[in-house]
Amino acid sequence: MENKELDPEHIAVLIAIYDACGGSIRGHVPIQAIRSKLTVPYKQLCKDVLKNLKKHPDVLIHEHVGRDHSYGITMNGIHFLRKKGIL
């Protein structure tokens, strides 16, 4: 993902991760918890959007790899949402 500007579906998933983690950078949640925060058009795109967000040059999310994958938001992700006026 060379472009630093995010599409609306990327921003929606980033907000869903923030909400699912309770705004904590130490929280990590499975993809099911992220999908539960999204509406119908974005639920189907969630897995692909997460792959793209992991490749973002500003490192907006982090992934916990283990038995189950889980995701969390980074301080860069929170700063990005604040800069956009979402938080």
C-alpha atoms as a PDB file:
ATOM      1  CA  MET A   1       0.000   0.000   0.000  1.00  0.00           C
ATOM      2  CA  GLU A   2       2.065   2.885  -1.307  1.00  0.00           C
ATOM      3  CA  ASN A   3      -0.667   5.500  -0.959  1.00  0.00           C
ATOM      4  CA  LYS A   4      -0.860   6.935   2.564  1.00  0.00           C
ATOM      5  CA  GLU A   5      -4.468   8.090   2.023  1.00  0.00           C
ATOM      6  CA  LEU A   6      -6.983   5.479   3.146  1.00  0.00           C
ATOM      7  CA  ASP A   7     -10.235   4.446   1.512  1.00  0.00           C
ATOM      8  CA  PRO A   8     -13.484   4.637   3.534  1.00  0.00           C
ATOM      9  CA  GLU A   9     -13.491   0.871   4.129  1.00  0.00           C
ATOM     10  CA  HIS A  10      -9.971   1.060   5.600  1.00  0.00           C
ATOM     11  CA  ILE A  11     -11.024   3.876   7.923  1.00  0.00           C
ATOM     12  CA  ALA A  12     -14.162   1.933   8.946  1.00  0.00           C
ATOM     13  CA  VAL A  13     -12.100  -1.137   9.881  1.00  0.00           C
ATOM     14  CA  LEU A  14      -9.597   1.033  11.756  1.00  0.00           C
ATOM     15  CA  ILE A  15     -12.446   2.586  13.769  1.00  0.00           C
ATOM     16  CA  ALA A  16     -13.868  -0.908  14.424  1.00  0.00           C
ATOM     17  CA  ILE A  17     -10.499  -2.100  15.774  1.00  0.00           C
ATOM     18  CA  TYR A  18     -10.251   0.988  17.986  1.00  0.00           C
ATOM     19  CA  ASP A  19     -13.758   0.411  19.319  1.00  0.00           C
ATOM     20  CA  ALA A  20     -13.310  -3.337  19.809  1.00  0.00           C
ATOM     21  CA  CYS A  21     -10.064  -2.773  21.742  1.00  0.00           C
ATOM     22  CA  GLY A  22     -11.682  -0.100  23.878  1.00  0.00           C
ATOM     23  CA  GLY A  23      -9.213   2.508  22.643  1.00  0.00           C
ATOM     24  CA  SER A  24      -6.265   0.647  24.165  1.00  0.00           C
ATOM     25  CA  ILE A  25      -3.055   0.036  22.264  1.00  0.00           C
ATOM     26  CA  ARG A  26      -2.471  -3.058  24.388  1.00  0.00           C
ATOM     27  CA  GLY A  27      -5.765  -4.687  23.455  1.00  0.00           C
ATOM     28  CA  HIS A  28      -6.027  -7.308  20.742  1.00  0.00           C
ATOM     29  CA  VAL A  29      -9.218  -8.804  19.402  1.00  0.00           C
ATOM     30  CA  PRO A  30     -10.067 -11.556  16.893  1.00  0.00           C
ATOM     31  CA  ILE A  31     -11.473 -10.767  13.481  1.00  0.00           C
ATOM     32  CA  GLN A  32     -14.982 -11.792  14.652  1.00  0.00           C
ATOM     33  CA  ALA A  33     -15.005  -8.945  17.199  1.00  0.00           C
ATOM     34  CA  ILE A  34     -13.959  -6.476  14.501  1.00  0.00           C
ATOM     35  CA  ARG A  35     -16.625  -7.724  12.093  1.00  0.00           C
ATOM     36  CA  SER A  36     -19.295  -7.376  14.787  1.00  0.00           C
ATOM     37  CA  LYS A  37     -18.599  -3.624  14.896  1.00  0.00           C
ATOM     38  CA  LEU A  38     -19.036  -3.198  11.118  1.00  0.00           C
ATOM     39  CA  THR A  39     -22.131  -2.884   8.940  1.00  0.00           C
ATOM     40  CA  VAL A  40     -22.994  -5.215   6.077  1.00  0.00           C
ATOM     41  CA  PRO A  41     -21.000  -3.751   3.167  1.00  0.00           C
ATOM     42  CA  TYR A  42     -17.792  -3.681   5.217  1.00  0.00           C
ATOM     43  CA  LYS A  43     -18.102  -7.060   6.964  1.00  0.00           C
ATOM     44  CA  GLN A  44     -17.297  -8.978   3.782  1.00  0.00           C
ATOM     45  CA  LEU A  45     -14.242  -6.804   3.045  1.00  0.00           C
ATOM     46  CA  CYS A  46     -12.773  -7.002   6.539  1.00  0.00           C
ATOM     47  CA  LYS A  47     -10.181  -9.727   5.936  1.00  0.00           C
ATOM     48  CA  ASP A  48      -8.781  -8.084   2.786  1.00  0.00           C
ATOM     49  CA  VAL A  49      -8.764  -4.645   4.394  1.00  0.00           C
ATOM     50  CA  LEU A  50      -6.841  -5.996   7.400  1.00  0.00           C
ATOM     51  CA  LYS A  51      -4.189  -7.394   5.041  1.00  0.00           C
ATOM     52  CA  ASN A  52      -3.855  -3.973   3.402  1.00  0.00           C
ATOM     53  CA  LEU A  53      -3.722  -2.123   6.735  1.00  0.00           C
ATOM     54  CA  LYS A  54      -0.888  -4.388   7.921  1.00  0.00           C
ATOM     55  CA  LYS A  55       1.150  -3.220   4.893  1.00  0.00           C
ATOM     56  CA  HIS A  56       0.532   0.495   5.513  1.00  0.00           C
ATOM     57  CA  PRO A  57       3.847   2.390   5.872  1.00  0.00           C
ATOM     58  CA  ASP A  58       2.705   4.170   9.064  1.00  0.00           C
ATOM     59  CA  VAL A  59       1.959   0.858  10.892  1.00  0.00           C
ATOM     60  CA  LEU A  60      -1.619   1.664  11.923  1.00  0.00           C
ATOM     61  CA  ILE A  61      -2.448  -1.804  13.303  1.00  0.00           C
ATOM     62  CA  HIS A  62      -0.514  -4.708  14.749  1.00  0.00           C
ATOM     63  CA  GLU A  63      -1.199  -8.422  14.468  1.00  0.00           C
ATOM     64  CA  HIS A  64      -0.780 -11.029  17.182  1.00  0.00           C
ATOM     65  CA  VAL A  65       0.061 -14.350  15.609  1.00  0.00           C
ATOM     66  CA  GLY A  66      -0.641 -17.454  17.617  1.00  0.00           C
ATOM     67  CA  ARG A  67      -3.237 -20.160  17.630  1.00  0.00           C
ATOM     68  CA  ASP A  68      -5.719 -17.506  16.540  1.00  0.00           C
ATOM     69  CA  HIS A  69      -4.862 -14.264  14.811  1.00  0.00           C
ATOM     70  CA  SER A  70      -5.866 -11.129  16.669  1.00  0.00           C
ATOM     71  CA  TYR A  71      -5.431  -7.477  15.846  1.00  0.00           C
ATOM     72  CA  GLY A  72      -4.902  -4.241  17.738  1.00  0.00           C
ATOM     73  CA  ILE A  73      -4.478  -0.567  17.009  1.00  0.00           C
ATOM     74  CA  THR A  74      -1.184   1.285  17.376  1.00  0.00           C
ATOM     75  CA  MET A  75      -0.535   4.844  18.548  1.00  0.00           C
ATOM     76  CA  ASN A  76      -0.012   5.769  14.882  1.00  0.00           C
ATOM     77  CA  GLY A  77      -3.506   4.455  14.151  1.00  0.00           C
ATOM     78  CA  ILE A  78      -4.991   6.516  16.973  1.00  0.00           C
ATOM     79  CA  HIS A  79      -3.103   9.632  15.825  1.00  0.00           C
ATOM     80  CA  PHE A  80      -4.358   9.027  12.283  1.00  0.00           C
ATOM     81  CA  LEU A  81      -7.985   8.902  13.468  1.00  0.00           C
ATOM     82  CA  ARG A  82      -7.482  12.055  15.563  1.00  0.00           C
ATOM     83  CA  LYS A  83      -5.917  13.881  12.615  1.00  0.00           C
ATOM     84  CA  LYS A  84      -8.941  12.969  10.485  1.00  0.00           C
ATOM     85  CA  GLY A  85     -11.230  14.381  13.221  1.00  0.00           C
ATOM     86  CA  ILE A  86     -12.876  11.042  13.935  1.00  0.00           C
ATOM     87  CA  LEU A  87     -11.807  10.814  17.583  1.00  0.00           C
END
